[in-house]
C-alpha atoms as a PDB file:
ATOM      1  CA  MET A   1      34.651   9.944  -9.222  1.00  0.00           C
ATOM      2  CA  LYS A   2      35.662   9.717  -5.521  1.00  0.00           C
ATOM      3  CA  THR A   3      34.180   6.630  -3.477  1.00  0.00           C
ATOM      4  CA  GLU A   4      33.055   7.890  -0.133  1.00  0.00           C
ATOM      5  CA  LEU A   5      32.288   5.058   2.236  1.00  0.00           C
ATOM      6  CA  LYS A   6      30.512   5.411   5.790  1.00  0.00           C
ATOM      7  CA  ILE A   7      30.775   2.807   8.726  1.00  0.00           C
ATOM      8  CA  LYS A   8      28.891   2.672  11.827  1.00  0.00           C
ATOM      9  CA  LYS A   9      30.336   0.993  14.586  1.00  0.00           C
ATOM     10  CA  HIS A  10      28.344   0.386  17.973  1.00  0.00           C
ATOM     11  CA  ILE A  11      28.329  -1.954  21.017  1.00  0.00           C
ATOM     12  CA  ASN A  12      25.698  -4.688  20.877  1.00  0.00           C
ATOM     13  CA  ASN A  13      23.984  -6.512  24.071  1.00  0.00           C
ATOM     14  CA  GLU A  14      26.768  -9.326  24.214  1.00  0.00           C
ATOM     15  CA  GLY A  15      29.274  -6.223  24.634  1.00  0.00           C
ATOM     16  CA  GLN A  16      30.848  -6.699  21.097  1.00  0.00           C
ATOM     17  CA  THR A  17      31.808  -4.007  18.716  1.00  0.00           C
ATOM     18  CA  GLU A  18      29.550  -4.336  15.383  1.00  0.00           C
ATOM     19  CA  THR A  19      30.354  -2.660  12.376  1.00  0.00           C
ATOM     20  CA  ALA A  20      28.154  -1.740   9.383  1.00  0.00           C
ATOM     21  CA  VAL A  21      28.108   0.196   6.276  1.00  0.00           C
ATOM     22  CA  SER A  22      25.676   3.196   6.433  1.00  0.00           C
ATOM     23  CA  GLU A  23      26.280   4.870   2.888  1.00  0.00           C
ATOM     24  CA  ILE A  24      28.392   4.177  -0.023  1.00  0.00           C
ATOM     25  CA  ARG A  25      28.182   6.737  -3.009  1.00  0.00           C
ATOM     26  CA  ASP A  26      29.992   6.286  -6.427  1.00  0.00           C
ATOM     27  CA  TYR A  27      31.206   2.714  -6.227  1.00  0.00           C
ATOM     28  CA  THR A  28      31.608   0.250  -8.853  1.00  0.00           C
ATOM     29  CA  GLY A  29      32.679  -3.193  -8.005  1.00  0.00           C
ATOM     30  CA  TYR A  30      32.200  -5.823  -5.403  1.00  0.00           C
ATOM     31  CA  ILE A  31      32.435  -5.343  -1.458  1.00  0.00           C
ATOM     32  CA  LYS A  32      33.536  -8.580  -0.196  1.00  0.00           C
ATOM     33  CA  THR A  33      31.621  -9.350   3.155  1.00  0.00           C
ATOM     34  CA  ASN A  34      32.025 -12.160   5.445  1.00  0.00           C
ATOM     35  CA  LEU A  35      28.734 -14.383   5.926  1.00  0.00           C
ATOM     36  CA  PRO A  36      28.750 -16.689   9.139  1.00  0.00           C
ATOM     37  CA  PRO A  37      29.499 -20.328   8.534  1.00  0.00           C
ATOM     38  CA  SER A  38      25.446 -21.161   8.871  1.00  0.00           C
ATOM     39  CA  SER A  39      24.660 -18.665   5.980  1.00  0.00           C
ATOM     40  CA  LYS A  40      27.092 -19.735   3.401  1.00  0.00           C
ATOM     41  CA  ARG A  41      25.662 -21.773   0.254  1.00  0.00           C
ATOM     42  CA  SER A  42      27.298 -22.747  -2.707  1.00  0.00           C
ATOM     43  CA  ASP A  43      27.078 -20.806  -5.706  1.00  0.00           C
ATOM     44  CA  SER A  44      24.587 -23.190  -7.924  1.00  0.00           C
ATOM     45  CA  ASP A  45      22.469 -23.659  -4.631  1.00  0.00           C
ATOM     46  CA  ILE A  46      22.111 -19.965  -4.377  1.00  0.00           C
ATOM     47  CA  LYS A  47      21.455 -20.019  -7.857  1.00  0.00           C
ATOM     48  CA  ASN A  48      18.718 -22.837  -7.815  1.00  0.00           C
ATOM     49  CA  ALA A  49      17.342 -20.971  -5.076  1.00  0.00           C
ATOM     50  CA  VAL A  50      16.928 -17.681  -6.762  1.00  0.00           C
ATOM     51  CA  LEU A  51      15.441 -19.191 -10.052  1.00  0.00           C
ATOM     52  CA  ASN A  52      12.669 -21.283  -8.008  1.00  0.00           C
ATOM     53  CA  VAL A  53      11.689 -18.209  -6.155  1.00  0.00           C
ATOM     54  CA  ILE A  54      11.510 -16.003  -9.563  1.00  0.00           C
ATOM     55  CA  LYS A  55       9.404 -18.814 -10.722  1.00  0.00           C
ATOM     56  CA  TRP A  56       7.095 -19.285  -7.730  1.00  0.00           C
ATOM     57  CA  ASN A  57       6.625 -15.307  -8.273  1.00  0.00           C
ATOM     58  CA  SER A  58       3.685 -15.002 -10.532  1.00  0.00           C
ATOM     59  CA  SER A  59       4.749 -11.536 -11.685  1.00  0.00           C
ATOM     60  CA  ILE A  60       8.058 -12.306 -13.280  1.00  0.00           C
ATOM     61  CA  ASP A  61       8.340 -14.687 -16.498  1.00  0.00           C
ATOM     62  CA  GLU A  62      11.540 -16.832 -15.009  1.00  0.00           C
ATOM     63  CA  ASN A  63      12.388 -17.396 -19.356  1.00  0.00           C
ATOM     64  CA  LYS A  64      13.368 -13.563 -19.214  1.00  0.00           C
ATOM     65  CA  ILE A  65      15.950 -13.597 -16.400  1.00  0.00           C
ATOM     66  CA  LYS A  66      19.610 -15.205 -16.499  1.00  0.00           C
ATOM     67  CA  ILE A  67      20.954 -15.626 -13.168  1.00  0.00           C
ATOM     68  CA  LYS A  68      24.784 -15.468 -12.594  1.00  0.00           C
ATOM     69  CA  VAL A  69      26.301 -16.035  -9.106  1.00  0.00           C
ATOM     70  CA  ARG A  70      29.818 -15.520  -8.094  1.00  0.00           C
ATOM     71  CA  ASP A  71      31.099 -15.711  -4.513  1.00  0.00           C
ATOM     72  CA  GLY A  72      27.494 -15.746  -3.214  1.00  0.00           C
ATOM     73  CA  TRP A  73      27.046 -12.023  -5.607  1.00  0.00           C
ATOM     74  CA  VAL A  74      23.882 -12.545  -7.776  1.00  0.00           C
ATOM     75  CA  THR A  75      23.717 -10.752 -11.059  1.00  0.00           C
ATOM     76  CA  LEU A  76      20.515 -10.690 -13.049  1.00  0.00           C
ATOM     77  CA  GLU A  77      20.036  -9.958 -16.579  1.00  0.00           C
ATOM     78  CA  GLY A  78      17.565  -9.905 -18.934  1.00  0.00           C
ATOM     79  CA  TYR A  79      14.636  -7.981 -19.696  1.00  0.00           C
ATOM     80  CA  VAL A  80      10.836  -7.537 -18.175  1.00  0.00           C
ATOM     81  CA  ASP A  81       7.936  -5.257 -19.128  1.00  0.00           C
ATOM     82  CA  TRP A  82       7.800  -3.544 -16.101  1.00  0.00           C
ATOM     83  CA  GLU A  83       9.835  -1.506 -13.427  1.00  0.00           C
ATOM     84  CA  TYR A  84       8.053  -3.313 -10.570  1.00  0.00           C
ATOM     85  CA  GLN A  85       9.118  -6.898 -12.087  1.00  0.00           C
ATOM     86  CA  LYS A  86      12.780  -5.649 -12.013  1.00  0.00           C
ATOM     87  CA  SER A  87      12.492  -4.523  -8.557  1.00  0.00           C
ATOM     88  CA  ARG A  88      10.682  -7.027  -7.197  1.00  0.00           C
ATOM     89  CA  ALA A  89      13.317  -9.717  -8.537  1.00  0.00           C
ATOM     90  CA  THR A  90      16.510  -7.772  -6.802  1.00  0.00           C
ATOM     91  CA  TYR A  91      14.068  -7.962  -3.719  1.00  0.00           C
ATOM     92  CA  LEU A  92      13.459 -11.772  -3.996  1.00  0.00           C
ATOM     93  CA  ALA A  93      17.235 -12.330  -4.532  1.00  0.00           C
ATOM     94  CA  GLU A  94      18.191 -10.572  -1.735  1.00  0.00           C
ATOM     95  CA  ASP A  95      15.964 -12.549   0.510  1.00  0.00           C
ATOM     96  CA  ILE A  96      17.918 -16.033  -0.243  1.00  0.00           C
ATOM     97  CA  LYS A  97      20.107 -17.240   2.235  1.00  0.00           C
ATOM     98  CA  GLY A  98      23.739 -17.024   1.732  1.00  0.00           C
ATOM     99  CA  VAL A  99      23.546 -14.141  -0.858  1.00  0.00           C
ATOM    100  CA  VAL A 100      26.039 -11.490  -0.244  1.00  0.00           C
ATOM    101  CA  GLY A 101      24.734  -8.706  -3.012  1.00  0.00           C
ATOM    102  CA  VAL A 102      22.541  -8.384  -5.922  1.00  0.00           C
ATOM    103  CA  ASN A 103      23.410  -7.052  -9.091  1.00  0.00           C
ATOM    104  CA  ASN A 104      20.347  -6.364 -11.179  1.00  0.00           C
ATOM    105  CA  LEU A 105      21.128  -5.563 -14.989  1.00  0.00           C
ATOM    106  CA  ILE A 106      17.820  -6.244 -15.934  1.00  0.00           C
ATOM    107  CA  THR A 107      16.538  -3.928 -18.620  1.00  0.00           C
ATOM    108  CA  VAL A 108      12.769  -2.939 -18.646  1.00  0.00           C
ATOM    109  CA  VAL A 109      11.408  -2.931 -21.864  1.00  0.00           C
ATOM    110  CA  PRO A 110       7.474  -1.836 -21.757  1.00  0.00           C
ATOM    111  CA  VAL A 111       4.996  -3.954 -23.769  1.00  0.00           C
ATOM    112  CA  ILE A 112       2.380  -1.383 -25.546  1.00  0.00           C
ATOM    113  CA  THR A 113      -0.218  -3.095 -27.252  1.00  0.00           C
ATOM    114  CA  PRO A 114      -2.720  -1.562 -30.077  1.00  0.00           C
ATOM    115  CA  ALA A 115      -5.475  -1.931 -27.781  1.00  0.00           C
ATOM    116  CA  LEU A 116      -3.473  -0.089 -24.995  1.00  0.00           C
ATOM    117  CA  LYS A 117      -2.309   2.638 -27.222  1.00  0.00           C
ATOM    118  CA  GLU A 118      -5.567   3.215 -28.577  1.00  0.00           C
ATOM    119  CA  LYS A 119      -6.980   3.637 -24.778  1.00  0.00           C
ATOM    120  CA  ILE A 120      -3.923   6.577 -24.081  1.00  0.00           C
ATOM    121  CA  ASN A 121      -4.563   8.225 -27.192  1.00  0.00           C
ATOM    122  CA  ALA A 122      -8.390   8.413 -26.266  1.00  0.00           C
ATOM    123  CA  ALA A 123      -7.640   9.641 -22.830  1.00  0.00           C
ATOM    124  CA  PHE A 124      -5.599  12.389 -24.286  1.00  0.00           C
ATOM    125  CA  ARG A 125      -7.846  13.118 -26.948  1.00  0.00           C
ATOM    126  CA  ALA A 126     -11.048  12.899 -23.978  1.00  0.00           C
ATOM    127  CA  GLN A 127      -8.308  15.460 -21.855  1.00  0.00           C
ATOM    128  CA  LEU A 128      -8.245  17.874 -24.519  1.00  0.00           C
ATOM    129  CA  LEU A 129     -11.858  18.201 -25.143  1.00  0.00           C
ATOM    130  CA  SER A 130     -12.734  18.731 -21.731  1.00  0.00           C
END
């Protein structure tokens, strides 16, 4: 597989050249970035901040998520019941000061209760009879 990296450069209002990655394809690994000194935090501070923001989010059970941080890169592992919970965990972690990137390895394991299964089956039966 060939890795493609597209970079955009432009001049900001202060006349300085800024560089940004606009697209990455077929890349596996880490990309090292440099944060301004005011944004740098220790990995343990970042881990605690991510854990706290997930705890405060009522849609995600923090007991199902394991958080690892290495050089500002957050790795989320564990399982959730719904895809939106997995996406929300990424969104919350990305918003933490000092986070360089997020690798979301959370697995979605849907829980279908007998009552929900019966409702689904009833809906299919009703559709077939109509």
